[in-house]
Amino acid sequence: MYGEVIRHHLIPVIESARGAAWYTIRINGHLGATVLSAFPALVSQRHGAHTVLTGLLDRSALYGVLAEVEALGLDLVEVRQLTPQRRSPESGDSRSP
């Protein structure tokens, strides 16, 4: 019970105070282990023909990830900042990141 209260109420306050937010970054194609190693702070999931990277990033870390996506020549599809209640794409949600 307390863990749920902390997760939904306290963690978003702490994150916003640090300037960090949860993001999903959708990339066209399935990324292999070598390419994924360029994004150690992010969790990867495959969704259809895309790879979705999810993680807690501040502004400079987000720009760093986007620069790495560009440097690797990856096809960026979408970047989405998540709301505090939604930290990863739900399976079956066609609108999920």
N, C-alpha and C. Protein backbone atom coordinates (compact mmCIF):
# COMPACT_ATOMS: atom_id res chain seq x y z
N MET A 1 0.81 -1.19 0.00
CA MET A 1 0.00 0.00 0.00
C MET A 1 0.86 1.26 0.00
N TYR A 2 1.84 1.33 0.93
CA TYR A 2 2.69 2.52 0.99
C TYR A 2 3.53 2.67 -0.26
N GLY A 3 4.00 1.55 -0.82
CA GLY A 3 4.78 1.60 -2.04
C GLY A 3 3.99 2.21 -3.18
N GLU A 4 2.72 1.88 -3.27
CA GLU A 4 1.86 2.43 -4.32
C GLU A 4 1.66 3.94 -4.12
N VAL A 5 1.48 4.36 -2.88
CA VAL A 5 1.31 5.79 -2.59
C VAL A 5 2.58 6.54 -2.96
N ILE A 6 3.72 6.02 -2.57
CA ILE A 6 5.00 6.66 -2.89
C ILE A 6 5.21 6.70 -4.39
N ARG A 7 4.95 5.60 -5.08
CA ARG A 7 5.18 5.53 -6.52
C ARG A 7 4.33 6.54 -7.28
N HIS A 8 3.07 6.71 -6.90
CA HIS A 8 2.17 7.57 -7.67
C HIS A 8 2.14 9.02 -7.21
N HIS A 9 2.58 9.29 -5.99
CA HIS A 9 2.47 10.66 -5.48
C HIS A 9 3.81 11.31 -5.19
N LEU A 10 4.71 10.60 -4.55
CA LEU A 10 5.97 11.19 -4.15
C LEU A 10 7.01 11.16 -5.27
N ILE A 11 7.14 10.07 -5.98
CA ILE A 11 8.16 9.97 -7.03
C ILE A 11 7.98 11.03 -8.10
N PRO A 12 6.76 11.30 -8.62
CA PRO A 12 6.64 12.38 -9.62
C PRO A 12 7.09 13.74 -9.10
N VAL A 13 6.87 14.02 -7.82
CA VAL A 13 7.30 15.29 -7.24
C VAL A 13 8.82 15.35 -7.21
N ILE A 14 9.46 14.29 -6.79
CA ILE A 14 10.92 14.23 -6.74
C ILE A 14 11.49 14.36 -8.15
N GLU A 15 10.91 13.65 -9.11
CA GLU A 15 11.40 13.70 -10.48
C GLU A 15 11.29 15.10 -11.07
N SER A 16 10.16 15.76 -10.84
CA SER A 16 10.00 17.10 -11.41
C SER A 16 10.94 18.09 -10.73
N ALA A 17 11.26 17.88 -9.47
CA ALA A 17 12.20 18.75 -8.78
C ALA A 17 13.60 18.60 -9.36
N ARG A 18 13.95 17.41 -9.81
CA ARG A 18 15.25 17.17 -10.42
C ARG A 18 15.26 17.57 -11.89
N GLY A 19 14.10 17.88 -12.44
CA GLY A 19 14.03 18.22 -13.85
C GLY A 19 13.98 17.02 -14.76
N ALA A 20 13.73 15.85 -14.23
CA ALA A 20 13.69 14.63 -15.03
C ALA A 20 12.24 14.23 -15.27
N ALA A 21 12.03 13.53 -16.36
CA ALA A 21 10.70 13.02 -16.69
C ALA A 21 10.88 11.69 -17.40
N TRP A 22 9.81 10.92 -17.42
CA TRP A 22 9.82 9.64 -18.12
C TRP A 22 9.50 9.88 -19.59
N TYR A 23 10.29 9.26 -20.45
CA TYR A 23 10.11 9.39 -21.90
C TYR A 23 10.08 8.03 -22.56
N THR A 24 9.34 7.96 -23.67
CA THR A 24 9.47 6.83 -24.58
C THR A 24 9.97 7.38 -25.91
N ILE A 25 10.86 6.64 -26.51
CA ILE A 25 11.45 7.01 -27.78
C ILE A 25 11.24 5.83 -28.72
N ARG A 26 10.44 6.05 -29.75
CA ARG A 26 10.08 4.98 -30.69
C ARG A 26 10.99 5.07 -31.91
N ILE A 27 11.62 3.94 -32.24
CA ILE A 27 12.54 3.87 -33.36
C ILE A 27 12.06 2.79 -34.32
N ASN A 28 12.12 3.08 -35.61
CA ASN A 28 11.70 2.12 -36.62
C ASN A 28 12.69 0.96 -36.67
N GLY A 29 12.17 -0.25 -36.67
CA GLY A 29 13.01 -1.45 -36.75
C GLY A 29 13.29 -2.06 -35.40
N HIS A 30 13.86 -3.25 -35.44
CA HIS A 30 14.25 -3.96 -34.22
C HIS A 30 15.74 -3.76 -34.03
N LEU A 31 16.11 -3.16 -32.91
CA LEU A 31 17.51 -2.88 -32.63
C LEU A 31 18.17 -4.09 -31.96
N GLY A 32 19.38 -4.39 -32.39
CA GLY A 32 20.13 -5.49 -31.81
C GLY A 32 20.85 -5.07 -30.54
N ALA A 33 21.47 -6.03 -29.89
CA ALA A 33 22.15 -5.80 -28.61
C ALA A 33 23.26 -4.77 -28.73
N THR A 34 24.00 -4.79 -29.83
CA THR A 34 25.11 -3.84 -29.99
C THR A 34 24.60 -2.41 -30.03
N VAL A 35 23.56 -2.14 -30.81
CA VAL A 35 23.00 -0.79 -30.89
C VAL A 35 22.36 -0.41 -29.56
N LEU A 36 21.64 -1.33 -28.95
CA LEU A 36 20.99 -1.03 -27.67
C LEU A 36 22.00 -0.70 -26.57
N SER A 37 23.22 -1.20 -26.70
CA SER A 37 24.24 -0.90 -25.68
C SER A 37 24.60 0.59 -25.67
N ALA A 38 24.23 1.33 -26.71
CA ALA A 38 24.45 2.78 -26.75
C ALA A 38 23.46 3.52 -25.85
N PHE A 39 22.46 2.81 -25.33
CA PHE A 39 21.42 3.44 -24.50
C PHE A 39 21.28 2.70 -23.17
N PRO A 40 22.33 2.69 -22.35
CA PRO A 40 22.30 1.88 -21.12
C PRO A 40 21.28 2.34 -20.09
N ALA A 41 20.86 3.59 -20.13
CA ALA A 41 19.91 4.10 -19.13
C ALA A 41 18.46 3.83 -19.52
N LEU A 42 18.24 3.21 -20.68
CA LEU A 42 16.88 3.01 -21.18
C LEU A 42 16.54 1.53 -21.25
N VAL A 43 15.27 1.24 -21.06
CA VAL A 43 14.75 -0.12 -21.20
C VAL A 43 14.14 -0.23 -22.59
N SER A 44 14.43 -1.33 -23.28
CA SER A 44 13.90 -1.49 -24.63
C SER A 44 12.81 -2.55 -24.67
N GLN A 45 11.84 -2.31 -25.55
CA GLN A 45 10.77 -3.26 -25.82
C GLN A 45 10.48 -3.22 -27.30
N ARG A 46 10.11 -4.36 -27.86
CA ARG A 46 9.68 -4.39 -29.26
C ARG A 46 8.17 -4.26 -29.31
N HIS A 47 7.70 -3.39 -30.19
CA HIS A 47 6.27 -3.19 -30.41
C HIS A 47 6.05 -3.19 -31.91
N GLY A 48 5.55 -4.30 -32.43
CA GLY A 48 5.36 -4.41 -33.87
C GLY A 48 6.69 -4.28 -34.57
N ALA A 49 6.77 -3.36 -35.52
CA ALA A 49 7.99 -3.15 -36.30
C ALA A 49 8.93 -2.15 -35.64
N HIS A 50 8.62 -1.72 -34.42
CA HIS A 50 9.42 -0.68 -33.76
C HIS A 50 10.10 -1.19 -32.50
N THR A 51 11.14 -0.47 -32.11
CA THR A 51 11.75 -0.63 -30.80
C THR A 51 11.40 0.62 -30.00
N VAL A 52 10.92 0.42 -28.77
CA VAL A 52 10.55 1.54 -27.91
C VAL A 52 11.51 1.55 -26.72
N LEU A 53 12.20 2.67 -26.56
CA LEU A 53 13.11 2.87 -25.45
C LEU A 53 12.40 3.73 -24.41
N THR A 54 12.46 3.32 -23.15
CA THR A 54 11.77 4.03 -22.07
C THR A 54 12.75 4.30 -20.94
N GLY A 55 12.70 5.51 -20.39
CA GLY A 55 13.56 5.80 -19.26
C GLY A 55 13.32 7.18 -18.68
N LEU A 56 13.90 7.39 -17.52
CA LEU A 56 13.84 8.66 -16.81
C LEU A 56 15.01 9.51 -17.27
N LEU A 57 14.70 10.64 -17.90
CA LEU A 57 15.74 11.49 -18.49
C LEU A 57 15.51 12.95 -18.13
N ASP A 58 16.60 13.65 -17.83
CA ASP A 58 16.48 15.10 -17.74
C ASP A 58 16.70 15.66 -19.14
N ARG A 59 16.61 16.96 -19.30
CA ARG A 59 16.67 17.56 -20.63
C ARG A 59 17.98 17.24 -21.36
N SER A 60 19.11 17.37 -20.66
CA SER A 60 20.38 17.12 -21.33
C SER A 60 20.54 15.64 -21.69
N ALA A 61 20.05 14.74 -20.85
CA ALA A 61 20.12 13.31 -21.18
C ALA A 61 19.23 12.99 -22.37
N LEU A 62 18.05 13.62 -22.44
CA LEU A 62 17.16 13.41 -23.58
C LEU A 62 17.85 13.86 -24.87
N TYR A 63 18.46 15.05 -24.85
CA TYR A 63 19.16 15.54 -26.04
C TYR A 63 20.33 14.62 -26.40
N GLY A 64 21.00 14.08 -25.39
CA GLY A 64 22.09 13.13 -25.64
C GLY A 64 21.61 11.87 -26.32
N VAL A 65 20.48 11.34 -25.85
CA VAL A 65 19.90 10.14 -26.48
C VAL A 65 19.51 10.44 -27.93
N LEU A 66 18.88 11.59 -28.15
CA LEU A 66 18.47 11.95 -29.52
C LEU A 66 19.68 12.15 -30.42
N ALA A 67 20.76 12.71 -29.89
CA ALA A 67 21.99 12.87 -30.68
C ALA A 67 22.57 11.50 -31.03
N GLU A 68 22.51 10.56 -30.10
CA GLU A 68 23.00 9.20 -30.36
C GLU A 68 22.15 8.50 -31.41
N VAL A 69 20.83 8.70 -31.34
CA VAL A 69 19.93 8.13 -32.36
C VAL A 69 20.33 8.65 -33.74
N GLU A 70 20.58 9.95 -33.83
CA GLU A 70 20.97 10.55 -35.10
C GLU A 70 22.34 10.04 -35.55
N ALA A 71 23.31 9.99 -34.63
CA ALA A 71 24.66 9.54 -34.98
C ALA A 71 24.69 8.11 -35.48
N LEU A 72 23.79 7.29 -34.95
CA LEU A 72 23.72 5.88 -35.39
C LEU A 72 22.89 5.71 -36.66
N GLY A 73 22.29 6.80 -37.13
CA GLY A 73 21.49 6.73 -38.36
C GLY A 73 20.18 5.99 -38.18
N LEU A 74 19.64 6.01 -36.96
CA LEU A 74 18.38 5.31 -36.70
C LEU A 74 17.20 6.16 -37.15
N ASP A 75 16.12 5.51 -37.50
CA ASP A 75 14.91 6.17 -37.99
C ASP A 75 13.99 6.47 -36.80
N LEU A 76 14.06 7.71 -36.29
CA LEU A 76 13.26 8.13 -35.15
C LEU A 76 11.81 8.33 -35.59
N VAL A 77 10.89 7.69 -34.88
CA VAL A 77 9.47 7.77 -35.21
C VAL A 77 8.75 8.74 -34.28
N GLU A 78 9.06 8.67 -32.98
CA GLU A 78 8.31 9.47 -32.01
C GLU A 78 9.09 9.60 -30.70
N VAL A 79 8.94 10.75 -30.07
CA VAL A 79 9.40 10.97 -28.70
C VAL A 79 8.19 11.44 -27.92
N ARG A 80 7.96 10.79 -26.79
CA ARG A 80 6.78 11.14 -25.98
C ARG A 80 7.16 11.22 -24.51
N GLN A 81 6.75 12.32 -23.87
CA GLN A 81 6.92 12.43 -22.43
C GLN A 81 5.71 11.78 -21.78
N LEU A 82 5.96 10.88 -20.85
CA LEU A 82 4.88 10.15 -20.20
C LEU A 82 4.35 10.90 -19.01
N THR A 83 3.09 10.66 -18.71
CA THR A 83 2.49 11.19 -17.49
C THR A 83 2.97 10.34 -16.32
N PRO A 84 2.92 10.85 -15.10
CA PRO A 84 3.43 10.08 -13.96
C PRO A 84 2.77 8.71 -13.78
N GLN A 85 1.51 8.55 -14.16
CA GLN A 85 0.83 7.28 -13.97
C GLN A 85 1.20 6.26 -15.05
N ARG A 86 1.81 6.69 -16.15
CA ARG A 86 2.05 5.79 -17.28
C ARG A 86 3.51 5.83 -17.66
N ARG A 87 4.26 4.78 -17.29
CA ARG A 87 5.70 4.81 -17.50
C ARG A 87 6.17 3.87 -18.60
N SER A 88 5.28 3.07 -19.14
CA SER A 88 5.67 2.20 -20.25
C SER A 88 4.46 1.94 -21.12
N PRO A 89 4.70 1.63 -22.37
CA PRO A 89 3.57 1.39 -23.27
C PRO A 89 2.82 0.12 -22.85
N GLU A 90 1.50 0.19 -22.93
CA GLU A 90 0.72 -0.98 -22.61
C GLU A 90 0.53 -1.82 -23.87
N SER A 91 0.64 -3.13 -23.70
CA SER A 91 0.42 -3.98 -24.86
C SER A 91 -1.05 -3.94 -25.22
N GLY A 92 -1.30 -3.93 -26.49
CA GLY A 92 -2.68 -3.90 -26.96
C GLY A 92 -3.23 -2.51 -27.15
N ASP A 93 -2.55 -1.50 -26.69
CA ASP A 93 -3.00 -0.12 -26.87
C ASP A 93 -2.38 0.39 -28.16
N SER A 94 -3.19 0.54 -29.18
CA SER A 94 -2.65 0.93 -30.47
C SER A 94 -2.10 2.35 -30.44
N ARG A 95 -2.47 3.14 -29.44
CA ARG A 95 -1.96 4.49 -29.33
C ARG A 95 -0.77 4.56 -28.40
N SER A 96 -0.37 3.45 -27.79
CA SER A 96 0.75 3.50 -26.86
C SER A 96 2.05 3.76 -27.61
N PRO A 97 3.01 4.38 -26.93
CA PRO A 97 4.28 4.70 -27.58
C PRO A 97 5.07 3.47 -27.92
